[in-house]
């Protein structure tokens, strides 16, 4: 029996504290700063899906946001995220990296004169990245969605500096949870590496788990990772909306633990992690799981008994909900000289 009585608002209520409406408006004598021009480089060089959740807020502010890509071959036609190669990049006030992988480090080396911020908008391993030493002294600001993610992000950069918790833009408009009987959301990872990024072990076990659940009468809804091989999952219903939204329909979710897990838990949907010895997963992603299974034979029992984590665990992993994109961009602006209010000249 799956407990659906605990609402996400009761679990997450009060997380915002005094930060939700905090603004950075200057005093009466200050001129409003002009919109910022931001370049961003992700660990997955063409992974524009990491940047998409902040597009509405950057557009509202009139900011110019451009994702740096090695070339245009990996960019889908009609992608809403503006992209450019380093050779074509527009003038900018700030470079943001989402990790310390090769592509962010390469971009930071090319744009040495730009202020540098690091924001955990993408998946990162909980160990120091080989090129972290090239970046950490230049980074003016570290941000993460939650305290738990912040600890993992600091490990990735090999730093003890504070990481500002801003929340995840993907939780700014959480759906109301309306679970459908016997519906299970399967959250995939990436089966095969490609030029954008690597793969995560465990897909075979997840496929077999889905088969056992379906054989037991569960309806399977698949939340595909943007780079997953769709053909592996076409025997089931594949969600046409993002996994966070799709999770509102599910009694429970099972998948390879990734950054979407705390977001699904924030909706109020309990999770089961499908793990593999080859996986290196930050502890906070495992902490939101009701159970971990490495054998498909245990999937049905784990899903049937799935529960949300304790409120303190959920708060630690999810961070503040609502206004997250606004807080993130405020933080970027605060640490960027071009984004600060300028004093008016005396008459």
C-alpha atoms as a PDB file:
ATOM      1  CA  UNK A   1       0.000   0.000   0.000  1.00  0.00           C
ATOM      2  CA  UNK A   2       1.478   3.347  -1.041  1.00  0.00           C
ATOM      3  CA  UNK A   3       0.919   6.272   1.309  1.00  0.00           C
ATOM      4  CA  UNK A   4      -0.262   9.263  -0.709  1.00  0.00           C
ATOM      5  CA  UNK A   5      -1.658  11.281   2.185  1.00  0.00           C
ATOM      6  CA  UNK A   6       1.474  13.366   2.875  1.00  0.00           C
ATOM      7  CA  UNK A   7       1.284  16.400   0.607  1.00  0.00           C
ATOM      8  CA  UNK A   8       4.389  18.007  -0.778  1.00  0.00           C
ATOM      9  CA  UNK A   9       3.304  21.341   0.716  1.00  0.00           C
ATOM     10  CA  UNK A  10       3.181  19.904   4.247  1.00  0.00           C
ATOM     11  CA  UNK A  11       6.577  18.305   3.720  1.00  0.00           C
ATOM     12  CA  UNK A  12       8.219  21.311   2.087  1.00  0.00           C
ATOM     13  CA  UNK A  13       6.321  24.105   3.827  1.00  0.00           C
ATOM     14  CA  UNK A  14       8.528  26.698   5.417  1.00  0.00           C
ATOM     15  CA  UNK A  15      11.605  25.815   3.398  1.00  0.00           C
ATOM     16  CA  UNK A  16      11.726  29.210   1.778  1.00  0.00           C
ATOM     17  CA  UNK A  17      12.110  31.093   5.023  1.00  0.00           C
ATOM     18  CA  UNK A  18      12.959  34.689   4.393  1.00  0.00           C
ATOM     19  CA  UNK A  19      14.645  34.097   1.053  1.00  0.00           C
ATOM     20  CA  UNK A  20      11.657  33.628  -1.220  1.00  0.00           C
ATOM     21  CA  UNK A  21      10.935  37.277  -1.794  1.00  0.00           C
ATOM     22  CA  UNK A  22      14.417  38.596  -1.174  1.00  0.00           C
ATOM     23  CA  UNK A  23      15.349  41.135  -3.791  1.00  0.00           C
ATOM     24  CA  UNK A  24      18.479  43.010  -4.627  1.00  0.00           C
ATOM     25  CA  UNK A  25      16.917  46.362  -5.445  1.00  0.00           C
ATOM     26  CA  UNK A  26      19.340  49.209  -4.884  1.00  0.00           C
ATOM     27  CA  UNK A  27      18.712  52.420  -2.948  1.00  0.00           C
ATOM     28  CA  UNK A  28      16.886  55.363  -4.465  1.00  0.00           C
ATOM     29  CA  UNK A  29      20.094  56.929  -5.701  1.00  0.00           C
ATOM     30  CA  UNK A  30      21.152  53.876  -7.697  1.00  0.00           C
ATOM     31  CA  UNK A  31      20.569  53.399 -11.396  1.00  0.00           C
ATOM     32  CA  UNK A  32      19.033  50.043 -12.292  1.00  0.00           C
ATOM     33  CA  UNK A  33      21.669  47.710 -13.750  1.00  0.00           C
ATOM     34  CA  UNK A  34      21.351  46.836 -17.392  1.00  0.00           C
ATOM     35  CA  UNK A  35      20.360  43.274 -18.345  1.00  0.00           C
ATOM     36  CA  UNK A  36      23.236  40.836 -18.105  1.00  0.00           C
ATOM     37  CA  UNK A  37      24.811  38.945 -20.993  1.00  0.00           C
ATOM     38  CA  UNK A  38      25.616  35.429 -19.801  1.00  0.00           C
ATOM     39  CA  UNK A  39      27.547  32.568 -21.379  1.00  0.00           C
ATOM     40  CA  UNK A  40      27.020  29.100 -19.907  1.00  0.00           C
ATOM     41  CA  UNK A  41      28.989  25.879 -20.382  1.00  0.00           C
ATOM     42  CA  UNK A  42      27.696  22.505 -19.179  1.00  0.00           C
ATOM     43  CA  UNK A  43      29.408  19.186 -18.532  1.00  0.00           C
ATOM     44  CA  UNK A  44      27.283  17.796 -21.365  1.00  0.00           C
ATOM     45  CA  UNK A  45      28.380  20.200 -24.118  1.00  0.00           C
ATOM     46  CA  UNK A  46      25.136  20.099 -26.137  1.00  0.00           C
ATOM     47  CA  UNK A  47      22.872  19.451 -23.124  1.00  0.00           C
ATOM     48  CA  UNK A  48      20.585  22.449 -23.549  1.00  0.00           C
ATOM     49  CA  UNK A  49      17.922  20.744 -21.405  1.00  0.00           C
ATOM     50  CA  UNK A  50      19.944  21.796 -18.343  1.00  0.00           C
ATOM     51  CA  UNK A  51      19.559  25.466 -19.275  1.00  0.00           C
ATOM     52  CA  UNK A  52      15.943  25.445 -20.509  1.00  0.00           C
ATOM     53  CA  UNK A  53      14.339  25.755 -17.013  1.00  0.00           C
ATOM     54  CA  UNK A  54      15.745  29.274 -16.547  1.00  0.00           C
ATOM     55  CA  UNK A  55      14.745  30.643 -19.958  1.00  0.00           C
ATOM     56  CA  UNK A  56      11.473  32.195 -18.770  1.00  0.00           C
ATOM     57  CA  UNK A  57      13.165  34.143 -15.988  1.00  0.00           C
ATOM     58  CA  UNK A  58      16.056  35.329 -18.164  1.00  0.00           C
ATOM     59  CA  UNK A  59      13.538  36.462 -20.791  1.00  0.00           C
ATOM     60  CA  UNK A  60      11.486  38.291 -18.160  1.00  0.00           C
ATOM     61  CA  UNK A  61      14.594  40.185 -17.109  1.00  0.00           C
ATOM     62  CA  UNK A  62      15.685  40.845 -20.660  1.00  0.00           C
ATOM     63  CA  UNK A  63      18.972  39.007 -20.153  1.00  0.00           C
ATOM     64  CA  UNK A  64      20.897  37.533 -23.081  1.00  0.00           C
ATOM     65  CA  UNK A  65      21.731  33.884 -22.268  1.00  0.00           C
ATOM     66  CA  UNK A  66      23.868  31.825 -24.642  1.00  0.00           C
ATOM     67  CA  UNK A  67      25.010  28.253 -24.178  1.00  0.00           C
ATOM     68  CA  UNK A  68      28.483  27.486 -25.489  1.00  0.00           C
ATOM     69  CA  UNK A  69      28.716  24.385 -27.696  1.00  0.00           C
ATOM     70  CA  UNK A  70      31.703  22.884 -29.539  1.00  0.00           C
ATOM     71  CA  UNK A  71      29.829  23.019 -32.854  1.00  0.00           C
ATOM     72  CA  UNK A  72      26.269  23.208 -34.129  1.00  0.00           C
ATOM     73  CA  UNK A  73      25.969  19.557 -35.171  1.00  0.00           C
ATOM     74  CA  UNK A  74      24.537  18.440 -31.833  1.00  0.00           C
ATOM     75  CA  UNK A  75      21.875  21.141 -31.601  1.00  0.00           C
ATOM     76  CA  UNK A  76      18.329  20.128 -32.545  1.00  0.00           C
ATOM     77  CA  UNK A  77      16.469  22.419 -34.959  1.00  0.00           C
ATOM     78  CA  UNK A  78      14.101  24.691 -33.079  1.00  0.00           C
ATOM     79  CA  UNK A  79      15.848  24.278 -29.709  1.00  0.00           C
ATOM     80  CA  UNK A  80      14.720  27.283 -27.628  1.00  0.00           C
ATOM     81  CA  UNK A  81      18.137  27.706 -25.988  1.00  0.00           C
ATOM     82  CA  UNK A  82      20.367  30.152 -27.839  1.00  0.00           C
ATOM     83  CA  UNK A  83      23.738  28.545 -28.593  1.00  0.00           C
ATOM     84  CA  UNK A  84      27.070  29.643 -29.991  1.00  0.00           C
ATOM     85  CA  UNK A  85      30.552  28.235 -30.421  1.00  0.00           C
ATOM     86  CA  UNK A  86      33.370  30.013 -28.603  1.00  0.00           C
ATOM     87  CA  UNK A  87      34.433  31.511 -31.932  1.00  0.00           C
ATOM     88  CA  UNK A  88      30.939  32.934 -32.519  1.00  0.00           C
ATOM     89  CA  UNK A  89      30.062  33.838 -28.933  1.00  0.00           C
ATOM     90  CA  UNK A  90      28.559  37.274 -28.330  1.00  0.00           C
ATOM     91  CA  UNK A  91      30.052  39.799 -25.921  1.00  0.00           C
ATOM     92  CA  UNK A  92      29.268  38.787 -22.338  1.00  0.00           C
ATOM     93  CA  UNK A  93      29.468  39.942 -18.726  1.00  0.00           C
ATOM     94  CA  UNK A  94      29.636  36.525 -17.064  1.00  0.00           C
ATOM     95  CA  UNK A  95      30.550  32.889 -17.693  1.00  0.00           C
ATOM     96  CA  UNK A  96      28.672  30.207 -15.735  1.00  0.00           C
ATOM     97  CA  UNK A  97      29.846  26.592 -15.592  1.00  0.00           C
ATOM     98  CA  UNK A  98      27.655  23.753 -14.348  1.00  0.00           C
ATOM     99  CA  UNK A  99      30.546  21.505 -13.374  1.00  0.00           C
ATOM    100  CA  UNK A 100      34.273  20.976 -13.699  1.00  0.00           C
ATOM    101  CA  UNK A 101      34.300  18.673 -16.712  1.00  0.00           C
ATOM    102  CA  UNK A 102      36.407  19.110 -19.819  1.00  0.00           C
ATOM    103  CA  UNK A 103      34.057  21.396 -21.716  1.00  0.00           C
ATOM    104  CA  UNK A 104      33.446  23.877 -18.875  1.00  0.00           C
ATOM    105  CA  UNK A 105      37.185  23.943 -18.152  1.00  0.00           C
ATOM    106  CA  UNK A 106      37.999  24.502 -21.833  1.00  0.00           C
ATOM    107  CA  UNK A 107      35.514  27.378 -22.013  1.00  0.00           C
ATOM    108  CA  UNK A 108      36.845  28.942 -18.820  1.00  0.00           C
ATOM    109  CA  UNK A 109      40.350  28.861 -20.287  1.00  0.00           C
ATOM    110  CA  UNK A 110      39.118  30.567 -23.464  1.00  0.00           C
ATOM    111  CA  UNK A 111      37.190  33.282 -21.608  1.00  0.00           C
ATOM    112  CA  UNK A 112      39.739  34.135 -18.925  1.00  0.00           C
ATOM    113  CA  UNK A 113      38.678  37.774 -18.630  1.00  0.00           C
ATOM    114  CA  UNK A 114      35.064  37.005 -17.719  1.00  0.00           C
ATOM    115  CA  UNK A 115      33.878  36.662 -14.102  1.00  0.00           C
ATOM    116  CA  UNK A 116      33.178  32.988 -13.400  1.00  0.00           C
ATOM    117  CA  UNK A 117      30.305  31.444 -11.417  1.00  0.00           C
ATOM    118  CA  UNK A 118      29.564  27.745 -10.888  1.00  0.00           C
ATOM    119  CA  UNK A 119      25.954  26.538 -10.597  1.00  0.00           C
ATOM    120  CA  UNK A 120      24.847  22.928 -10.157  1.00  0.00           C
ATOM    121  CA  UNK A 121      22.327  22.812 -12.997  1.00  0.00           C
ATOM    122  CA  UNK A 122      23.495  19.419 -14.247  1.00  0.00           C
ATOM    123  CA  UNK A 123      24.514  16.011 -12.889  1.00  0.00           C
ATOM    124  CA  UNK A 124      27.942  15.809 -11.264  1.00  0.00           C
ATOM    125  CA  UNK A 125      29.851  12.995  -9.605  1.00  0.00           C
ATOM    126  CA  UNK A 126      30.462  13.323  -5.846  1.00  0.00           C
ATOM    127  CA  UNK A 127      34.253  13.273  -6.286  1.00  0.00           C
ATOM    128  CA  UNK A 128      36.716  15.970  -7.293  1.00  0.00           C
ATOM    129  CA  UNK A 129      36.844  16.374 -11.059  1.00  0.00           C
ATOM    130  CA  UNK A 130      40.305  16.082 -12.644  1.00  0.00           C
ATOM    131  CA  UNK A 131      40.208  19.707 -13.871  1.00  0.00           C
ATOM    132  CA  UNK A 132      38.556  21.276 -10.839  1.00  0.00           C
ATOM    133  CA  UNK A 133      41.849  22.889  -9.816  1.00  0.00           C
ATOM    134  CA  UNK A 134      41.759  24.960 -13.022  1.00  0.00           C
ATOM    135  CA  UNK A 135      38.451  26.539 -12.037  1.00  0.00           C
ATOM    136  CA  UNK A 136      37.922  26.788  -8.297  1.00  0.00           C
ATOM    137  CA  UNK A 137      40.153  29.795  -7.569  1.00  0.00           C
ATOM    138  CA  UNK A 138      38.422  31.797 -10.292  1.00  0.00           C
ATOM    139  CA  UNK A 139      34.887  30.940  -9.207  1.00  0.00           C
ATOM    140  CA  UNK A 140      33.251  33.934  -7.504  1.00  0.00           C
ATOM    141  CA  UNK A 141      30.070  32.109  -6.502  1.00  0.00           C
ATOM    142  CA  UNK A 142      28.933  28.507  -6.089  1.00  0.00           C
ATOM    143  CA  UNK A 143      25.201  27.742  -6.141  1.00  0.00           C
ATOM    144  CA  UNK A 144      23.158  24.553  -5.784  1.00  0.00           C
ATOM    145  CA  UNK A 145      19.505  23.662  -5.487  1.00  0.00           C
ATOM    146  CA  UNK A 146      19.776  22.248  -1.967  1.00  0.00           C
ATOM    147  CA  UNK A 147      22.139  21.855   0.952  1.00  0.00           C
ATOM    148  CA  UNK A 148      22.725  18.217   0.030  1.00  0.00           C
ATOM    149  CA  UNK A 149      23.445  18.997  -3.597  1.00  0.00           C
ATOM    150  CA  UNK A 150      25.714  21.805  -2.425  1.00  0.00           C
ATOM    151  CA  UNK A 151      27.860  19.347  -0.475  1.00  0.00           C
ATOM    152  CA  UNK A 152      28.227  17.116  -3.535  1.00  0.00           C
ATOM    153  CA  UNK A 153      28.950  20.132  -5.763  1.00  0.00           C
ATOM    154  CA  UNK A 154      31.664  21.324  -3.387  1.00  0.00           C
ATOM    155  CA  UNK A 155      33.197  17.837  -3.536  1.00  0.00           C
ATOM    156  CA  UNK A 156      33.130  18.004  -7.325  1.00  0.00           C
ATOM    157  CA  UNK A 157      35.192  21.224  -7.207  1.00  0.00           C
ATOM    158  CA  UNK A 158      37.375  20.122  -4.294  1.00  0.00           C
ATOM    159  CA  UNK A 159      36.461  23.196  -2.257  1.00  0.00           C
ATOM    160  CA  UNK A 160      35.352  24.001   1.283  1.00  0.00           C
ATOM    161  CA  UNK A 161      33.915  27.338   0.275  1.00  0.00           C
ATOM    162  CA  UNK A 162      30.210  27.941   0.973  1.00  0.00           C
ATOM    163  CA  UNK A 163      27.673  27.008  -1.685  1.00  0.00           C
ATOM    164  CA  UNK A 164      24.601  29.222  -1.860  1.00  0.00           C
ATOM    165  CA  UNK A 165      21.328  27.274  -1.818  1.00  0.00           C
ATOM    166  CA  UNK A 166      18.822  28.718  -4.309  1.00  0.00           C
ATOM    167  CA  UNK A 167      16.435  25.842  -5.087  1.00  0.00           C
ATOM    168  CA  UNK A 168      15.774  24.212  -8.436  1.00  0.00           C
ATOM    169  CA  UNK A 169      13.971  26.199 -11.172  1.00  0.00           C
ATOM    170  CA  UNK A 170      12.186  22.942 -12.049  1.00  0.00           C
ATOM    171  CA  UNK A 171      10.275  23.105  -8.758  1.00  0.00           C
ATOM    172  CA  UNK A 172       9.010  26.647  -9.331  1.00  0.00           C
ATOM    173  CA  UNK A 173       5.707  25.353 -10.669  1.00  0.00           C
ATOM    174  CA  UNK A 174       5.125  21.876  -9.234  1.00  0.00           C
ATOM    175  CA  UNK A 175       2.070  19.981 -10.494  1.00  0.00           C
ATOM    176  CA  UNK A 176      -0.735  18.903  -8.179  1.00  0.00           C
ATOM    177  CA  UNK A 177      -0.365  15.202  -7.431  1.00  0.00           C
ATOM    178  CA  UNK A 178      -3.213  13.011  -8.697  1.00  0.00           C
ATOM    179  CA  UNK A 179      -1.903   9.415  -8.623  1.00  0.00           C
ATOM    180  CA  UNK A 180      -3.569   6.889 -10.878  1.00  0.00           C
ATOM    181  CA  UNK A 181      -4.070   3.369  -9.565  1.00  0.00           C
ATOM    182  CA  UNK A 182      -1.260   0.959 -10.449  1.00  0.00           C
ATOM    183  CA  UNK A 183       0.629   3.541 -12.550  1.00  0.00           C
ATOM    184  CA  UNK A 184       4.421   3.394 -12.109  1.00  0.00           C
ATOM    185  CA  UNK A 185       6.778   5.973 -13.593  1.00  0.00           C
ATOM    186  CA  UNK A 186      10.053   4.508 -14.863  1.00  0.00           C
ATOM    187  CA  UNK A 187      12.862   7.062 -14.875  1.00  0.00           C
ATOM    188  CA  UNK A 188      15.580   6.141 -17.363  1.00  0.00           C
ATOM    189  CA  UNK A 189      19.155   7.266 -17.622  1.00  0.00           C
ATOM    190  CA  UNK A 190      21.432   7.012 -20.682  1.00  0.00           C
ATOM    191  CA  UNK A 191      22.222   3.574 -22.062  1.00  0.00           C
ATOM    192  CA  UNK A 192      24.889   4.511 -24.590  1.00  0.00           C
ATOM    193  CA  UNK A 193      27.424   7.333 -24.416  1.00  0.00           C
ATOM    194  CA  UNK A 194      27.520   9.930 -27.163  1.00  0.00           C
ATOM    195  CA  UNK A 195      29.549  13.087 -27.825  1.00  0.00           C
ATOM    196  CA  UNK A 196      27.356  15.030 -25.382  1.00  0.00           C
ATOM    197  CA  UNK A 197      28.077  12.831 -22.398  1.00  0.00           C
ATOM    198  CA  UNK A 198      28.516   9.421 -20.854  1.00  0.00           C
ATOM    199  CA  UNK A 199      26.151   6.605 -19.965  1.00  0.00           C
ATOM    200  CA  UNK A 200      24.993   5.211 -16.625  1.00  0.00           C
ATOM    201  CA  UNK A 201      25.094   1.473 -15.878  1.00  0.00           C
ATOM    202  CA  UNK A 202      21.860  -0.190 -14.831  1.00  0.00           C
ATOM    203  CA  UNK A 203      19.563   0.053 -17.838  1.00  0.00           C
ATOM    204  CA  UNK A 204      19.313  -3.729 -18.271  1.00  0.00           C
ATOM    205  CA  UNK A 205      18.191  -4.165 -14.669  1.00  0.00           C
ATOM    206  CA  UNK A 206      15.699  -1.323 -15.051  1.00  0.00           C
ATOM    207  CA  UNK A 207      14.268  -2.839 -18.227  1.00  0.00           C
ATOM    208  CA  UNK A 208      13.790  -6.194 -16.480  1.00  0.00           C
ATOM    209  CA  UNK A 209      12.247  -4.464 -13.480  1.00  0.00           C
ATOM    210  CA  UNK A 210       9.735  -2.748 -15.764  1.00  0.00           C
ATOM    211  CA  UNK A 211       8.890  -6.090 -17.342  1.00  0.00           C
ATOM    212  CA  UNK A 212       8.206  -7.666 -13.928  1.00  0.00           C
ATOM    213  CA  UNK A 213       6.067  -4.725 -12.869  1.00  0.00           C
ATOM    214  CA  UNK A 214       4.045  -4.886 -16.087  1.00  0.00           C
ATOM    215  CA  UNK A 215       3.587  -8.645 -15.684  1.00  0.00           C
ATOM    216  CA  UNK A 216       2.208  -8.024 -12.192  1.00  0.00           C
ATOM    217  CA  UNK A 217      -0.450  -5.675 -13.566  1.00  0.00           C
ATOM    218  CA  UNK A 218       1.269  -2.323 -13.157  1.00  0.00           C
ATOM    219  CA  UNK A 219       0.877   0.247 -15.905  1.00  0.00           C
ATOM    220  CA  UNK A 220       4.248   1.608 -17.004  1.00  0.00           C
ATOM    221  CA  UNK A 221       4.808   5.252 -17.894  1.00  0.00           C
ATOM    222  CA  UNK A 222       8.352   6.038 -19.030  1.00  0.00           C
ATOM    223  CA  UNK A 223      10.105   9.296 -18.275  1.00  0.00           C
ATOM    224  CA  UNK A 224      12.915   9.316 -20.825  1.00  0.00           C
ATOM    225  CA  UNK A 225      16.229  10.984 -20.169  1.00  0.00           C
ATOM    226  CA  UNK A 226      16.700  13.477 -23.044  1.00  0.00           C
ATOM    227  CA  UNK A 227      19.609  11.404 -24.405  1.00  0.00           C
ATOM    228  CA  UNK A 228      18.165   7.922 -23.800  1.00  0.00           C
ATOM    229  CA  UNK A 229      17.569   5.478 -26.676  1.00  0.00           C
ATOM    230  CA  UNK A 230      13.812   5.718 -27.151  1.00  0.00           C
ATOM    231  CA  UNK A 231      13.596   2.411 -29.003  1.00  0.00           C
ATOM    232  CA  UNK A 232      14.406   0.492 -25.803  1.00  0.00           C
ATOM    233  CA  UNK A 233      11.177   1.684 -24.174  1.00  0.00           C
ATOM    234  CA  UNK A 234       8.645   1.913 -26.984  1.00  0.00           C
ATOM    235  CA  UNK A 235       6.688  -1.121 -25.743  1.00  0.00           C
ATOM    236  CA  UNK A 236       5.386   1.152 -22.943  1.00  0.00           C
ATOM    237  CA  UNK A 237       3.684   4.531 -22.781  1.00  0.00           C
ATOM    238  CA  UNK A 238       6.354   7.230 -23.054  1.00  0.00           C
ATOM    239  CA  UNK A 239       5.539  10.483 -21.326  1.00  0.00           C
ATOM    240  CA  UNK A 240       5.089  13.490 -23.571  1.00  0.00           C
ATOM    241  CA  UNK A 241       5.699  15.892 -20.675  1.00  0.00           C
ATOM    242  CA  UNK A 242       8.769  16.317 -18.437  1.00  0.00           C
ATOM    243  CA  UNK A 243       9.257  13.615 -15.816  1.00  0.00           C
ATOM    244  CA  UNK A 244       8.576  15.987 -12.922  1.00  0.00           C
ATOM    245  CA  UNK A 245       5.117  16.709 -14.333  1.00  0.00           C
ATOM    246  CA  UNK A 246       4.502  13.072 -15.276  1.00  0.00           C
ATOM    247  CA  UNK A 247       5.331  11.960 -11.744  1.00  0.00           C
ATOM    248  CA  UNK A 248       2.159  13.599 -10.441  1.00  0.00           C
ATOM    249  CA  UNK A 249       0.179  10.782 -12.123  1.00  0.00           C
ATOM    250  CA  UNK A 250       2.196   7.927 -10.637  1.00  0.00           C
ATOM    251  CA  UNK A 251       1.694   5.956  -7.436  1.00  0.00           C
ATOM    252  CA  UNK A 252       5.461   5.482  -7.333  1.00  0.00           C
ATOM    253  CA  UNK A 253       8.544   5.878  -9.503  1.00  0.00           C
ATOM    254  CA  UNK A 254      11.501   3.572 -10.107  1.00  0.00           C
ATOM    255  CA  UNK A 255      14.662   4.414 -11.969  1.00  0.00           C
ATOM    256  CA  UNK A 256      18.390   4.973 -12.046  1.00  0.00           C
ATOM    257  CA  UNK A 257      19.007   7.727  -9.471  1.00  0.00           C
ATOM    258  CA  UNK A 258      19.629  11.099 -11.075  1.00  0.00           C
ATOM    259  CA  UNK A 259      19.037  14.790 -10.496  1.00  0.00           C
ATOM    260  CA  UNK A 260      15.327  14.394 -11.226  1.00  0.00           C
ATOM    261  CA  UNK A 261      14.843  12.204  -8.125  1.00  0.00           C
ATOM    262  CA  UNK A 262      14.574  15.003  -5.520  1.00  0.00           C
ATOM    263  CA  UNK A 263      12.252  16.907  -7.872  1.00  0.00           C
ATOM    264  CA  UNK A 264       9.925  13.911  -8.165  1.00  0.00           C
ATOM    265  CA  UNK A 265       9.990  13.522  -4.378  1.00  0.00           C
ATOM    266  CA  UNK A 266       9.069  17.210  -4.079  1.00  0.00           C
ATOM    267  CA  UNK A 267       5.907  16.459  -6.076  1.00  0.00           C
ATOM    268  CA  UNK A 268       5.059  13.851  -3.422  1.00  0.00           C
ATOM    269  CA  UNK A 269       5.782  10.694  -5.415  1.00  0.00           C
ATOM    270  CA  UNK A 270       7.850   8.028  -3.604  1.00  0.00           C
ATOM    271  CA  UNK A 271      10.880   6.611  -5.373  1.00  0.00           C
ATOM    272  CA  UNK A 272      12.728   3.316  -5.697  1.00  0.00           C
ATOM    273  CA  UNK A 273      16.325   3.434  -6.914  1.00  0.00           C
ATOM    274  CA  UNK A 274      17.546   0.833  -9.396  1.00  0.00           C
ATOM    275  CA  UNK A 275      21.285   0.622  -8.746  1.00  0.00           C
ATOM    276  CA  UNK A 276      24.303  -1.059 -10.294  1.00  0.00           C
ATOM    277  CA  UNK A 277      27.821  -1.677  -8.953  1.00  0.00           C
ATOM    278  CA  UNK A 278      29.173   0.545 -11.720  1.00  0.00           C
ATOM    279  CA  UNK A 279      27.176   3.584 -10.612  1.00  0.00           C
ATOM    280  CA  UNK A 280      28.731   6.456  -8.643  1.00  0.00           C
ATOM    281  CA  UNK A 281      25.718   8.286  -7.210  1.00  0.00           C
ATOM    282  CA  UNK A 282      25.763  11.193  -4.726  1.00  0.00           C
ATOM    283  CA  UNK A 283      24.356  10.120  -1.363  1.00  0.00           C
ATOM    284  CA  UNK A 284      21.595  12.734  -1.419  1.00  0.00           C
ATOM    285  CA  UNK A 285      20.043  11.146  -4.533  1.00  0.00           C
ATOM    286  CA  UNK A 286      19.930   7.807  -2.739  1.00  0.00           C
ATOM    287  CA  UNK A 287      18.548   9.427   0.422  1.00  0.00           C
ATOM    288  CA  UNK A 288      15.212  10.259  -1.228  1.00  0.00           C
ATOM    289  CA  UNK A 289      14.688   6.636  -2.265  1.00  0.00           C
ATOM    290  CA  UNK A 290      12.325   4.454  -0.256  1.00  0.00           C
ATOM    291  CA  UNK A 291      14.423   1.424  -1.242  1.00  0.00           C
ATOM    292  CA  UNK A 292      17.305   0.451  -3.499  1.00  0.00           C
ATOM    293  CA  UNK A 293      17.120  -2.643  -5.700  1.00  0.00           C
ATOM    294  CA  UNK A 294      19.880  -4.291  -7.708  1.00  0.00           C
ATOM    295  CA  UNK A 295      17.820  -7.357  -8.635  1.00  0.00           C
ATOM    296  CA  UNK A 296      14.639  -7.003 -10.733  1.00  0.00           C
ATOM    297  CA  UNK A 297      13.049  -9.716  -8.605  1.00  0.00           C
ATOM    298  CA  UNK A 298      12.736  -7.195  -5.783  1.00  0.00           C
ATOM    299  CA  UNK A 299      11.212  -4.386  -7.861  1.00  0.00           C
ATOM    300  CA  UNK A 300       7.529  -5.216  -7.292  1.00  0.00           C
ATOM    301  CA  UNK A 301       7.780  -5.455  -3.505  1.00  0.00           C
ATOM    302  CA  UNK A 302       9.858  -2.265  -3.332  1.00  0.00           C
ATOM    303  CA  UNK A 303       7.446  -0.285  -5.497  1.00  0.00           C
ATOM    304  CA  UNK A 304       4.395  -1.589  -3.651  1.00  0.00           C
ATOM    305  CA  UNK A 305       5.883  -0.520  -0.293  1.00  0.00           C
ATOM    306  CA  UNK A 306       7.357   2.790  -1.474  1.00  0.00           C
ATOM    307  CA  UNK A 307       7.177   5.755   0.917  1.00  0.00           C
ATOM    308  CA  UNK A 308       8.434   9.312   0.906  1.00  0.00           C
ATOM    309  CA  UNK A 309      11.526  10.071   3.012  1.00  0.00           C
ATOM    310  CA  UNK A 310      11.340  11.907   6.316  1.00  0.00           C
ATOM    311  CA  UNK A 311      10.665  15.653   5.971  1.00  0.00           C
ATOM    312  CA  UNK A 312      14.179  16.609   7.128  1.00  0.00           C
ATOM    313  CA  UNK A 313      15.742  14.358   4.477  1.00  0.00           C
ATOM    314  CA  UNK A 314      13.438  15.756   1.806  1.00  0.00           C
ATOM    315  CA  UNK A 315      14.193  19.337   2.799  1.00  0.00           C
ATOM    316  CA  UNK A 316      17.940  18.673   2.703  1.00  0.00           C
ATOM    317  CA  UNK A 317      17.759  17.099  -0.766  1.00  0.00           C
ATOM    318  CA  UNK A 318      15.185  19.371  -2.440  1.00  0.00           C
ATOM    319  CA  UNK A 319      15.949  22.830  -1.103  1.00  0.00           C
ATOM    320  CA  UNK A 320      13.571  25.807  -1.174  1.00  0.00           C
ATOM    321  CA  UNK A 321      10.594  25.553  -3.524  1.00  0.00           C
ATOM    322  CA  UNK A 322       9.204  28.499  -5.470  1.00  0.00           C
ATOM    323  CA  UNK A 323      11.100  31.483  -6.849  1.00  0.00           C
ATOM    324  CA  UNK A 324      14.246  29.435  -7.466  1.00  0.00           C
ATOM    325  CA  UNK A 325      15.062  30.815 -10.916  1.00  0.00           C
ATOM    326  CA  UNK A 326      14.684  34.322  -9.516  1.00  0.00           C
ATOM    327  CA  UNK A 327      17.059  33.567  -6.628  1.00  0.00           C
ATOM    328  CA  UNK A 328      19.597  31.961  -8.955  1.00  0.00           C
ATOM    329  CA  UNK A 329      19.723  34.925 -11.326  1.00  0.00           C
ATOM    330  CA  UNK A 330      19.810  37.372  -8.423  1.00  0.00           C
ATOM    331  CA  UNK A 331      22.875  35.528  -7.128  1.00  0.00           C
ATOM    332  CA  UNK A 332      24.567  35.686 -10.531  1.00  0.00           C
ATOM    333  CA  UNK A 333      23.849  39.393 -10.808  1.00  0.00           C
ATOM    334  CA  UNK A 334      25.083  40.134  -7.294  1.00  0.00           C
ATOM    335  CA  UNK A 335      28.529  38.695  -8.028  1.00  0.00           C
ATOM    336  CA  UNK A 336      28.888  40.257 -11.495  1.00  0.00           C
ATOM    337  CA  UNK A 337      30.283  43.821 -11.657  1.00  0.00           C
ATOM    338  CA  UNK A 338      28.209  44.688 -14.731  1.00  0.00           C
ATOM    339  CA  UNK A 339      25.036  43.619 -12.915  1.00  0.00           C
ATOM    340  CA  UNK A 340      25.346  45.835  -9.865  1.00  0.00           C
ATOM    341  CA  UNK A 341      23.423  49.103  -9.522  1.00  0.00           C
ATOM    342  CA  UNK A 342      25.521  52.090 -10.527  1.00  0.00           C
ATOM    343  CA  UNK A 343      25.472  55.356  -8.598  1.00  0.00           C
ATOM    344  CA  UNK A 344      23.956  58.318 -10.420  1.00  0.00           C
ATOM    345  CA  UNK A 345      26.291  61.171 -11.204  1.00  0.00           C
ATOM    346  CA  UNK A 346      25.805  64.325  -9.175  1.00  0.00           C
ATOM    347  CA  UNK A 347      23.892  67.041 -10.984  1.00  0.00           C
END
